[in-house]
Amino acid sequence: MAKWTPKHEAPEPLEGPVVATITGGTILWFVLFLVQLPFYGWFDDHGHTWWVWTCLAGAGLGLIGIWYVRKRDAAIKRAAALG
């Protein structure tokens, strides 16, 4: 089996408002959790409670993501300031 080699160089990664993007996504997951919460009985009756808990997990993981990207952003800014 031959090893695959790229035919061209990879493009530079896109940088954008990462902190705002992750924060917005986290808020969206939490809002979806809150919107589904009043209908928990319906979800339970139909075997779809995982929808509710998936939204809560997304919000929780989003909080970790916010912490991570804020630290990353600060490290990038420190590195740029040093040289």
Protein backbone atom coordinates (compact mmCIF):
# COMPACT_ATOMS: atom_id res chain seq x y z
CA MET A 1 0.00 0.00 0.00
CA ALA A 2 1.52 3.31 -1.08
CA LYS A 3 1.67 6.24 1.28
CA TRP A 4 -0.51 9.19 0.26
CA THR A 5 1.32 12.47 -0.33
CA PRO A 6 -0.42 15.80 -0.92
CA LYS A 7 -0.10 17.35 -4.36
CA HIS A 8 -0.21 20.93 -3.07
CA GLU A 9 0.38 22.82 0.15
CA ALA A 10 -2.42 23.23 2.66
CA PRO A 11 -3.94 26.72 2.83
CA GLU A 12 -3.41 28.95 5.84
CA PRO A 13 -6.00 28.42 8.57
CA LEU A 14 -8.81 30.95 8.70
CA GLU A 15 -8.89 33.11 11.80
CA GLY A 16 -12.05 34.89 12.77
CA PRO A 17 -13.98 35.91 15.85
CA VAL A 18 -13.45 32.54 17.52
CA VAL A 19 -14.49 33.58 21.04
CA ALA A 20 -17.70 35.18 19.76
CA THR A 21 -18.49 32.13 17.62
CA ILE A 22 -18.05 29.66 20.48
CA THR A 23 -19.97 31.92 22.87
CA GLY A 24 -22.84 32.24 20.39
CA GLY A 25 -22.97 28.49 19.89
CA THR A 26 -22.97 27.87 23.64
CA ILE A 27 -25.83 30.32 24.14
CA LEU A 28 -27.75 28.64 21.32
CA TRP A 29 -27.35 25.18 22.91
CA PHE A 30 -28.51 26.53 26.28
CA VAL A 31 -31.52 28.30 24.75
CA LEU A 32 -32.47 25.08 22.94
CA PHE A 33 -32.26 23.26 26.28
CA LEU A 34 -34.52 25.82 27.97
CA VAL A 35 -37.04 25.75 25.11
CA GLN A 36 -37.32 21.95 25.27
CA LEU A 37 -37.53 21.74 29.06
CA PRO A 38 -41.28 22.51 29.34
CA PHE A 39 -41.93 19.63 26.90
CA TYR A 40 -39.88 17.10 28.86
CA GLY A 41 -42.95 14.91 29.43
CA TRP A 42 -43.61 14.65 25.69
CA PHE A 43 -39.96 13.81 25.01
CA ASP A 44 -40.09 11.18 27.78
CA ASP A 45 -43.30 9.63 26.42
CA HIS A 46 -41.79 9.32 22.93
CA GLY A 47 -38.33 8.15 24.00
CA HIS A 48 -36.57 11.34 22.94
CA THR A 49 -35.22 12.66 26.25
CA TRP A 50 -31.75 12.45 24.76
CA TRP A 51 -32.63 15.57 22.73
CA VAL A 52 -32.95 17.59 25.93
CA TRP A 53 -29.77 16.20 27.47
CA THR A 54 -27.82 16.66 24.23
CA CYS A 55 -28.59 20.39 24.35
CA LEU A 56 -27.46 20.59 27.97
CA ALA A 57 -24.27 18.69 27.13
CA GLY A 58 -23.64 21.07 24.22
CA ALA A 59 -23.99 24.05 26.55
CA GLY A 60 -21.68 22.47 29.12
CA LEU A 61 -19.04 21.59 26.55
CA GLY A 62 -19.45 25.07 25.11
CA LEU A 63 -18.46 26.54 28.49
CA ILE A 64 -15.26 24.51 28.35
CA GLY A 65 -14.79 25.72 24.77
CA ILE A 66 -15.20 29.36 25.81
CA TRP A 67 -12.57 28.91 28.50
CA TYR A 68 -10.22 27.24 26.00
CA VAL A 69 -10.56 29.77 23.17
CA ARG A 70 -10.19 32.74 25.55
CA LYS A 71 -6.92 31.24 26.85
CA ARG A 72 -5.80 30.51 23.28
CA ASP A 73 -6.64 34.03 22.13
CA ALA A 74 -4.72 35.54 25.06
CA ALA A 75 -1.70 33.31 24.31
CA ILE A 76 -1.72 34.33 20.63
CA LYS A 77 -1.86 38.02 21.60
CA ARG A 78 1.01 37.57 24.11
CA ALA A 79 3.13 35.80 21.51
CA ALA A 80 2.45 38.58 18.96
CA ALA A 81 3.41 41.25 21.51
CA LEU A 82 6.73 39.52 22.27
CA GLY A 83 7.84 39.48 18.74
